[in-house]
Amino acid sequence: MTKEELAREVANRTGVSRKVALSILVSFLETMTESLCSGESIYLRGFGCFESREGRMRRARDPQGDGIIEIPPKIRPVFRPYKDLKDAVQKSLGKKLTIDFLCLTAKNAQRVSVVGPFNGWDETANRMQKLPDGSWVSEIEAVSGQTLRYKYWVDGRLETDPAFPSDSQGNTVRQI
């Protein structure tokens, strides 16, 4: 996305003209540049941190001869994304996987569901199907690279999955 495209999108979302949005965007970028050039860091809560850092000295082959030259360290602008931004990008662009759940401990139960932050702990969202042997199965779609925390909702009580470890809150923890 270019600066002009970004200004157009901001104009569409805010109702201001594209010209005003572009002017604000240019002023914002100039202010950020000036702050970074003066050694200040810029913290945007929920998004990330822009700062200037000194790199390290490097050695490289001299293209003019056969020796080695030392390249002095440079000060570079660096962006460090915060967790909210990382999670949003992962959720949007990460590979989607189908995760299977198998509950073997509720053979006499009437209703079993998989609950967790992925469905707001709603016991009606991911109901499991009972198989003829008494076990329960279900599947959900999740993004790879995340840690899935969940419990089984068995006839009104929450149970952990004995096949995977639990965290300090008693939630089953499963790496995807």
C-alpha atoms as a PDB file:
ATOM      1  CA  MET A   1       0.000   0.000   0.000  1.00  0.00           C
ATOM      2  CA  THR A   2       1.422   3.380  -0.993  1.00  0.00           C
ATOM      3  CA  LYS A   3       1.131   6.642   0.924  1.00  0.00           C
ATOM      4  CA  GLU A   4      -1.582   7.843  -1.485  1.00  0.00           C
ATOM      5  CA  GLU A   5      -3.547   4.583  -1.136  1.00  0.00           C
ATOM      6  CA  LEU A   6      -3.285   4.809   2.645  1.00  0.00           C
ATOM      7  CA  ALA A   7      -4.524   8.413   2.570  1.00  0.00           C
ATOM      8  CA  ARG A   8      -7.453   7.360   0.359  1.00  0.00           C
ATOM      9  CA  GLU A   9      -8.386   4.575   2.791  1.00  0.00           C
ATOM     10  CA  VAL A  10      -8.165   6.956   5.781  1.00  0.00           C
ATOM     11  CA  ALA A  11     -10.350   9.450   3.887  1.00  0.00           C
ATOM     12  CA  ASN A  12     -12.943   6.746   3.167  1.00  0.00           C
ATOM     13  CA  ARG A  13     -13.048   5.615   6.795  1.00  0.00           C
ATOM     14  CA  THR A  14     -13.138   9.073   8.395  1.00  0.00           C
ATOM     15  CA  GLY A  15     -15.161  11.096   5.902  1.00  0.00           C
ATOM     16  CA  VAL A  16     -12.484  13.761   5.411  1.00  0.00           C
ATOM     17  CA  SER A  17     -11.183  14.590   1.941  1.00  0.00           C
ATOM     18  CA  ARG A  18      -8.290  12.632   0.465  1.00  0.00           C
ATOM     19  CA  LYS A  19      -6.246  15.838   0.396  1.00  0.00           C
ATOM     20  CA  VAL A  20      -6.745  16.443   4.143  1.00  0.00           C
ATOM     21  CA  ALA A  21      -5.992  12.785   4.928  1.00  0.00           C
ATOM     22  CA  LEU A  22      -2.796  12.936   2.864  1.00  0.00           C
ATOM     23  CA  SER A  23      -1.743  16.156   4.611  1.00  0.00           C
ATOM     24  CA  ILE A  24      -2.283  14.574   8.041  1.00  0.00           C
ATOM     25  CA  LEU A  25      -0.415  11.418   6.991  1.00  0.00           C
ATOM     26  CA  VAL A  26       2.556  13.414   5.670  1.00  0.00           C
ATOM     27  CA  SER A  27       2.674  15.494   8.890  1.00  0.00           C
ATOM     28  CA  PHE A  28       2.487  12.319  10.974  1.00  0.00           C
ATOM     29  CA  LEU A  29       5.389  10.724   9.077  1.00  0.00           C
ATOM     30  CA  GLU A  30       7.479  13.911   9.264  1.00  0.00           C
ATOM     31  CA  THR A  31       6.903  14.092  13.037  1.00  0.00           C
ATOM     32  CA  MET A  32       7.906  10.440  13.427  1.00  0.00           C
ATOM     33  CA  THR A  33      11.048  10.995  11.345  1.00  0.00           C
ATOM     34  CA  GLU A  34      12.051  14.047  13.383  1.00  0.00           C
ATOM     35  CA  SER A  35      11.482  12.170  16.652  1.00  0.00           C
ATOM     36  CA  LEU A  36      13.558   9.183  15.538  1.00  0.00           C
ATOM     37  CA  CYS A  37      16.331  11.497  14.255  1.00  0.00           C
ATOM     38  CA  SER A  38      16.507  13.165  17.671  1.00  0.00           C
ATOM     39  CA  GLY A  39      16.902   9.798  19.407  1.00  0.00           C
ATOM     40  CA  GLU A  40      13.352   9.536  20.773  1.00  0.00           C
ATOM     41  CA  SER A  41      11.285   6.366  20.668  1.00  0.00           C
ATOM     42  CA  ILE A  42       7.654   6.327  19.531  1.00  0.00           C
ATOM     43  CA  TYR A  43       5.281   4.022  21.395  1.00  0.00           C
ATOM     44  CA  LEU A  44       1.890   3.319  19.826  1.00  0.00           C
ATOM     45  CA  ARG A  45      -0.092   1.242  22.333  1.00  0.00           C
ATOM     46  CA  GLY A  46      -1.446  -1.979  20.828  1.00  0.00           C
ATOM     47  CA  PHE A  47       0.581  -1.459  17.639  1.00  0.00           C
ATOM     48  CA  GLY A  48       4.324  -1.241  18.218  1.00  0.00           C
ATOM     49  CA  CYS A  49       7.414   0.788  19.005  1.00  0.00           C
ATOM     50  CA  PHE A  50       9.606   2.727  16.589  1.00  0.00           C
ATOM     51  CA  GLU A  51      13.123   3.467  17.803  1.00  0.00           C
ATOM     52  CA  SER A  52      16.651   4.152  16.585  1.00  0.00           C
ATOM     53  CA  ARG A  53      19.309   1.547  17.336  1.00  0.00           C
ATOM     54  CA  GLU A  54      22.986   1.322  16.643  1.00  0.00           C
ATOM     55  CA  GLY A  55      23.975  -1.751  14.677  1.00  0.00           C
ATOM     56  CA  ARG A  56      27.213  -3.599  15.167  1.00  0.00           C
ATOM     57  CA  MET A  57      30.494  -3.354  13.356  1.00  0.00           C
ATOM     58  CA  ARG A  58      30.888  -5.868  10.538  1.00  0.00           C
ATOM     59  CA  ARG A  59      33.755  -7.280   8.547  1.00  0.00           C
ATOM     60  CA  ALA A  60      33.486  -7.905   4.827  1.00  0.00           C
ATOM     61  CA  ARG A  61      35.667  -8.822   1.880  1.00  0.00           C
ATOM     62  CA  ASP A  62      37.225  -5.776   0.234  1.00  0.00           C
ATOM     63  CA  PRO A  63      35.840  -5.577  -3.336  1.00  0.00           C
ATOM     64  CA  GLN A  64      38.871  -3.469  -4.394  1.00  0.00           C
ATOM     65  CA  GLY A  65      41.440  -5.995  -3.197  1.00  0.00           C
ATOM     66  CA  ASP A  66      41.961  -9.268  -1.386  1.00  0.00           C
ATOM     67  CA  GLY A  67      41.820  -8.007   2.169  1.00  0.00           C
ATOM     68  CA  ILE A  68      39.061  -7.591   4.706  1.00  0.00           C
ATOM     69  CA  ILE A  69      37.544  -4.232   5.565  1.00  0.00           C
ATOM     70  CA  GLU A  70      35.691  -3.177   8.669  1.00  0.00           C
ATOM     71  CA  ILE A  71      32.300  -1.590   8.148  1.00  0.00           C
ATOM     72  CA  PRO A  72      31.462   0.837  10.970  1.00  0.00           C
ATOM     73  CA  PRO A  73      28.162   0.479  12.827  1.00  0.00           C
ATOM     74  CA  LYS A  74      25.166   2.426  11.508  1.00  0.00           C
ATOM     75  CA  ILE A  75      22.223   3.814  13.387  1.00  0.00           C
ATOM     76  CA  ARG A  76      19.016   2.428  11.928  1.00  0.00           C
ATOM     77  CA  PRO A  77      15.317   2.915  12.575  1.00  0.00           C
ATOM     78  CA  VAL A  78      13.740  -0.230  14.005  1.00  0.00           C
ATOM     79  CA  PHE A  79      10.102  -1.234  14.415  1.00  0.00           C
ATOM     80  CA  ARG A  80       9.118  -3.675  17.159  1.00  0.00           C
ATOM     81  CA  PRO A  81       5.497  -4.864  16.822  1.00  0.00           C
ATOM     82  CA  TYR A  82       3.472  -5.474  19.984  1.00  0.00           C
ATOM     83  CA  LYS A  83       1.536  -8.645  20.734  1.00  0.00           C
ATOM     84  CA  ASP A  84      -1.837  -7.294  19.530  1.00  0.00           C
ATOM     85  CA  LEU A  85      -0.446  -6.540  16.067  1.00  0.00           C
ATOM     86  CA  LYS A  86       1.439  -9.843  15.855  1.00  0.00           C
ATOM     87  CA  ASP A  87      -1.685 -11.773  16.845  1.00  0.00           C
ATOM     88  CA  ALA A  88      -3.876  -9.890  14.350  1.00  0.00           C
ATOM     89  CA  VAL A  89      -1.474 -10.599  11.475  1.00  0.00           C
ATOM     90  CA  GLN A  90      -1.124 -14.259  12.463  1.00  0.00           C
ATOM     91  CA  LYS A  91      -4.886 -14.684  12.748  1.00  0.00           C
ATOM     92  CA  SER A  92      -5.456 -13.028   9.376  1.00  0.00           C
ATOM     93  CA  LEU A  93      -2.636 -14.578   7.348  1.00  0.00           C
ATOM     94  CA  GLY A  94      -1.704 -17.753   9.261  1.00  0.00           C
ATOM     95  CA  LYS A  95      -2.386 -21.174   7.813  1.00  0.00           C
ATOM     96  CA  LYS A  96      -5.785 -22.511   8.878  1.00  0.00           C
ATOM     97  CA  LEU A  97      -5.852 -26.025  10.324  1.00  0.00           C
ATOM     98  CA  THR A  98      -8.644 -28.348  11.356  1.00  0.00           C
ATOM     99  CA  ILE A  99      -8.091 -29.498  14.940  1.00  0.00           C
ATOM    100  CA  ASP A 100      -9.693 -32.750  16.087  1.00  0.00           C
ATOM    101  CA  PHE A 101     -10.879 -33.296  19.662  1.00  0.00           C
ATOM    102  CA  LEU A 102     -11.624 -36.673  21.226  1.00  0.00           C
ATOM    103  CA  CYS A 103     -13.159 -36.940  24.700  1.00  0.00           C
ATOM    104  CA  LEU A 104     -12.949 -40.451  26.130  1.00  0.00           C
ATOM    105  CA  THR A 105     -13.824 -39.625  29.757  1.00  0.00           C
ATOM    106  CA  ALA A 106     -17.532 -38.781  29.331  1.00  0.00           C
ATOM    107  CA  LYS A 107     -19.085 -42.049  28.129  1.00  0.00           C
ATOM    108  CA  ASN A 108     -22.327 -41.546  30.126  1.00  0.00           C
ATOM    109  CA  ALA A 109     -22.723 -37.819  29.461  1.00  0.00           C
ATOM    110  CA  GLN A 110     -25.733 -36.304  27.715  1.00  0.00           C
ATOM    111  CA  ARG A 111     -23.953 -33.271  26.217  1.00  0.00           C
ATOM    112  CA  VAL A 112     -20.264 -32.480  25.669  1.00  0.00           C
ATOM    113  CA  SER A 113     -18.729 -29.374  24.074  1.00  0.00           C
ATOM    114  CA  VAL A 114     -15.263 -27.951  23.501  1.00  0.00           C
ATOM    115  CA  VAL A 115     -14.986 -24.489  25.086  1.00  0.00           C
ATOM    116  CA  GLY A 116     -12.217 -21.909  25.208  1.00  0.00           C
ATOM    117  CA  PRO A 117     -11.276 -18.336  24.284  1.00  0.00           C
ATOM    118  CA  PHE A 118     -11.786 -19.226  20.594  1.00  0.00           C
ATOM    119  CA  ASN A 119     -15.575 -19.441  21.176  1.00  0.00           C
ATOM    120  CA  GLY A 120     -15.990 -17.208  24.236  1.00  0.00           C
ATOM    121  CA  TRP A 121     -16.331 -20.253  26.535  1.00  0.00           C
ATOM    122  CA  ASP A 122     -19.795 -20.819  25.035  1.00  0.00           C
ATOM    123  CA  GLU A 123     -20.917 -24.398  25.681  1.00  0.00           C
ATOM    124  CA  THR A 124     -23.353 -24.279  22.745  1.00  0.00           C
ATOM    125  CA  ALA A 125     -20.767 -23.185  20.147  1.00  0.00           C
ATOM    126  CA  ASN A 126     -18.765 -26.392  19.553  1.00  0.00           C
ATOM    127  CA  ARG A 127     -20.892 -29.371  20.549  1.00  0.00           C
ATOM    128  CA  MET A 128     -19.300 -32.755  20.194  1.00  0.00           C
ATOM    129  CA  GLN A 129     -20.877 -35.802  18.557  1.00  0.00           C
ATOM    130  CA  LYS A 130     -21.256 -39.026  20.483  1.00  0.00           C
ATOM    131  CA  LEU A 131     -19.850 -42.107  18.802  1.00  0.00           C
ATOM    132  CA  PRO A 132     -21.266 -45.635  19.255  1.00  0.00           C
ATOM    133  CA  ASP A 133     -18.423 -46.562  21.652  1.00  0.00           C
ATOM    134  CA  GLY A 134     -19.403 -43.666  24.002  1.00  0.00           C
ATOM    135  CA  SER A 135     -16.551 -41.350  23.101  1.00  0.00           C
ATOM    136  CA  TRP A 136     -17.166 -37.808  21.836  1.00  0.00           C
ATOM    137  CA  VAL A 137     -15.576 -36.096  18.800  1.00  0.00           C
ATOM    138  CA  SER A 138     -15.488 -32.591  17.385  1.00  0.00           C
ATOM    139  CA  GLU A 139     -13.304 -30.380  15.241  1.00  0.00           C
ATOM    140  CA  ILE A 140     -12.629 -26.671  14.989  1.00  0.00           C
ATOM    141  CA  GLU A 141     -10.673 -24.519  12.586  1.00  0.00           C
ATOM    142  CA  ALA A 142      -7.703 -22.671  14.102  1.00  0.00           C
ATOM    143  CA  VAL A 143      -4.629 -20.770  12.910  1.00  0.00           C
ATOM    144  CA  SER A 144      -1.306 -22.593  13.028  1.00  0.00           C
ATOM    145  CA  GLY A 145       1.403 -21.299  15.331  1.00  0.00           C
ATOM    146  CA  GLN A 146      -0.864 -20.531  18.263  1.00  0.00           C
ATOM    147  CA  THR A 147      -1.427 -22.091  21.649  1.00  0.00           C
ATOM    148  CA  LEU A 148      -4.942 -23.409  22.061  1.00  0.00           C
ATOM    149  CA  ARG A 149      -6.426 -23.343  25.577  1.00  0.00           C
ATOM    150  CA  TYR A 150      -9.632 -25.256  26.155  1.00  0.00           C
ATOM    151  CA  LYS A 151     -11.710 -27.522  28.369  1.00  0.00           C
ATOM    152  CA  TYR A 152     -14.503 -30.000  27.802  1.00  0.00           C
ATOM    153  CA  TRP A 153     -17.936 -28.899  29.004  1.00  0.00           C
ATOM    154  CA  VAL A 154     -19.535 -32.139  30.200  1.00  0.00           C
ATOM    155  CA  ASP A 155     -23.165 -31.881  31.393  1.00  0.00           C
ATOM    156  CA  GLY A 156     -22.558 -28.513  33.062  1.00  0.00           C
ATOM    157  CA  ARG A 157     -19.073 -29.066  34.490  1.00  0.00           C
ATOM    158  CA  LEU A 158     -15.679 -28.260  32.998  1.00  0.00           C
ATOM    159  CA  GLU A 159     -13.051 -30.993  32.576  1.00  0.00           C
ATOM    160  CA  THR A 160      -9.524 -30.920  31.192  1.00  0.00           C
ATOM    161  CA  ASP A 161      -8.332 -33.147  28.374  1.00  0.00           C
ATOM    162  CA  PRO A 162      -6.057 -35.779  29.968  1.00  0.00           C
ATOM    163  CA  ALA A 163      -4.225 -36.281  26.658  1.00  0.00           C
ATOM    164  CA  PHE A 164      -2.531 -32.842  26.895  1.00  0.00           C
ATOM    165  CA  PRO A 165      -0.906 -30.804  29.713  1.00  0.00           C
ATOM    166  CA  SER A 166      -2.800 -28.120  31.667  1.00  0.00           C
ATOM    167  CA  ASP A 167      -1.819 -24.550  32.574  1.00  0.00           C
ATOM    168  CA  SER A 168      -2.019 -22.898  36.014  1.00  0.00           C
ATOM    169  CA  GLN A 169      -5.742 -22.099  35.498  1.00  0.00           C
ATOM    170  CA  GLY A 170      -6.544 -25.741  34.747  1.00  0.00           C
ATOM    171  CA  ASN A 171      -7.048 -25.213  31.009  1.00  0.00           C
ATOM    172  CA  THR A 172      -5.759 -27.826  28.603  1.00  0.00           C
ATOM    173  CA  VAL A 173      -2.865 -26.389  26.563  1.00  0.00           C
ATOM    174  CA  ARG A 174      -2.248 -27.583  23.027  1.00  0.00           C
ATOM    175  CA  GLN A 175       0.319 -26.201  20.558  1.00  0.00           C
ATOM    176  CA  ILE A 176      -0.963 -26.046  16.985  1.00  0.00           C
END
